Amino acid sequence: MAPYNNFDERGRVGAPRLVGTKPSLPLASYLGTYRHPLYGDAEITLAAGTLSLSLMGLTTPLDHWQLDSFRTRWSTQFHRAVLPLVHFTIDARGDPQRLWFNPRLEFGRAQQ
């Protein structure tokens, strides 16, 4: 789990935002497929300088929030409330290895 996760004890967004940060890596480094055994593939793409997430037939742009966390802009209030932030866990080599929404919903990076 990332050290700055913005979640309270119930897994809801709650901690204050760290203002003035930027992603650890160039946006293109986050691209790829991340897998979950139940929810399938989450695809991260880049177009016109904006990351997007596609998951279970839905797509949302991602806005940088802090460090390696991005705020979603789902089209429904329900999805914005349930999956408001996407976090990336970076390994020792500097590669994103996990994408997660909350401490209980993680997607591992698919083999390239």
Protein backbone atom coordinates (compact mmCIF):
# COMPACT_ATOMS: atom_id res chain seq x y z
CA MET A 1 0.00 0.00 0.00
CA ALA A 2 1.26 3.49 -0.82
CA PRO A 3 2.28 5.66 2.16
CA TYR A 4 -0.02 8.55 1.16
CA ASN A 5 -3.28 6.85 0.43
CA ASN A 6 -5.97 9.44 1.29
CA PHE A 7 -8.19 6.78 2.86
CA ASP A 8 -9.69 6.71 6.31
CA GLU A 9 -10.18 3.53 8.36
CA ARG A 10 -13.29 2.57 6.34
CA GLY A 11 -11.56 2.86 2.95
CA ARG A 12 -13.18 6.21 2.13
CA VAL A 13 -11.34 9.23 0.82
CA GLY A 14 -10.58 11.23 3.92
CA ALA A 15 -6.98 12.31 4.44
CA PRO A 16 -5.94 15.78 3.25
CA ARG A 17 -4.42 16.17 -0.20
CA LEU A 18 -0.68 16.79 -0.53
CA VAL A 19 -0.73 19.95 -2.63
CA GLY A 20 2.10 20.81 -5.04
CA THR A 21 3.22 17.28 -5.91
CA LYS A 22 3.60 15.75 -9.35
CA PRO A 23 3.66 12.17 -10.63
CA SER A 24 6.87 10.27 -9.90
CA LEU A 25 7.13 9.16 -13.52
CA PRO A 26 6.32 10.43 -17.00
CA LEU A 27 2.64 9.70 -17.74
CA ALA A 28 3.57 7.14 -20.42
CA SER A 29 5.17 4.98 -17.69
CA TYR A 30 1.75 4.24 -16.16
CA LEU A 31 0.30 2.82 -19.41
CA GLY A 32 -0.65 -0.80 -19.65
CA THR A 33 -2.95 -3.51 -18.42
CA TYR A 34 -3.53 -4.21 -14.74
CA ARG A 35 -5.44 -7.38 -13.73
CA HIS A 36 -7.78 -8.36 -10.94
CA PRO A 37 -9.00 -11.98 -10.60
CA LEU A 38 -12.64 -10.91 -10.20
CA TYR A 39 -12.97 -7.58 -12.04
CA GLY A 40 -10.75 -8.39 -15.01
CA ASP A 41 -8.49 -5.94 -16.79
CA ALA A 42 -8.05 -2.25 -16.12
CA GLU A 43 -6.44 -0.49 -19.11
CA ILE A 44 -4.49 2.73 -18.71
CA THR A 45 -4.08 4.75 -21.92
CA LEU A 46 -2.77 8.22 -22.79
CA ALA A 47 -4.23 10.67 -25.29
CA ALA A 48 -3.63 14.42 -25.62
CA GLY A 49 -1.58 14.45 -22.40
CA THR A 50 -4.33 12.87 -20.26
CA LEU A 51 -4.36 9.39 -18.75
CA SER A 52 -7.58 7.39 -19.03
CA LEU A 53 -8.77 4.28 -17.25
CA SER A 54 -11.05 1.68 -18.87
CA LEU A 55 -12.62 -0.86 -16.55
CA MET A 56 -15.61 -3.17 -17.06
CA GLY A 57 -16.83 -1.31 -20.15
CA LEU A 58 -16.52 2.18 -18.62
CA THR A 59 -13.84 4.79 -19.26
CA THR A 60 -12.80 7.83 -17.23
CA PRO A 61 -10.13 10.48 -17.68
CA LEU A 62 -7.65 10.69 -14.80
CA ASP A 63 -6.52 14.02 -13.33
CA HIS A 64 -3.35 14.13 -11.27
CA TRP A 65 -4.28 14.38 -7.59
CA GLN A 66 -1.00 13.90 -5.69
CA LEU A 67 2.18 11.87 -6.05
CA ASP A 68 1.13 8.69 -7.95
CA SER A 69 -2.60 9.17 -7.33
CA PHE A 70 -5.15 10.37 -9.86
CA ARG A 71 -8.76 11.52 -9.44
CA THR A 72 -11.37 9.84 -11.64
CA ARG A 73 -14.10 11.66 -13.57
CA TRP A 74 -16.62 8.83 -14.01
CA SER A 75 -19.86 9.81 -15.74
CA THR A 76 -22.03 8.64 -12.82
CA GLN A 77 -22.13 9.90 -9.25
CA PHE A 78 -22.15 6.31 -8.01
CA HIS A 79 -18.81 5.48 -9.67
CA ARG A 80 -17.27 8.80 -8.57
CA ALA A 81 -18.28 8.01 -4.98
CA VAL A 82 -17.12 4.38 -4.98
CA LEU A 83 -13.92 4.74 -7.07
CA PRO A 84 -12.84 8.39 -6.64
CA LEU A 85 -9.06 7.91 -6.78
CA VAL A 86 -6.67 5.57 -8.58
CA HIS A 87 -3.28 4.93 -6.99
CA PHE A 88 -0.17 3.36 -8.50
CA THR A 89 2.44 1.46 -6.50
CA ILE A 90 5.95 1.93 -7.91
CA ASP A 91 8.54 -0.84 -7.48
CA ALA A 92 12.25 -0.46 -6.65
CA ARG A 93 13.11 -0.22 -10.38
CA GLY A 94 10.74 2.72 -10.78
CA ASP A 95 8.01 0.78 -12.63
CA PRO A 96 4.31 0.88 -11.72
CA GLN A 97 3.36 -2.62 -10.55
CA ARG A 98 -0.05 -2.15 -8.98
CA LEU A 99 -3.10 -0.02 -9.57
CA TRP A 100 -5.52 0.24 -6.68
CA PHE A 101 -8.65 2.11 -5.72
CA ASN A 102 -8.70 1.35 -2.01
CA PRO A 103 -6.81 -0.99 0.30
CA ARG A 104 -9.06 -3.91 -0.68
CA LEU A 105 -9.23 -3.45 -4.48
CA GLU A 106 -5.82 -3.94 -6.16
CA PHE A 107 -4.95 -4.79 -9.76
CA GLY A 108 -1.49 -6.24 -10.57
CA ARG A 109 0.36 -5.24 -13.70
CA ALA A 110 -0.05 -7.79 -16.49
CA GLN A 111 3.10 -9.25 -18.04
CA GLN A 112 4.23 -7.25 -21.04
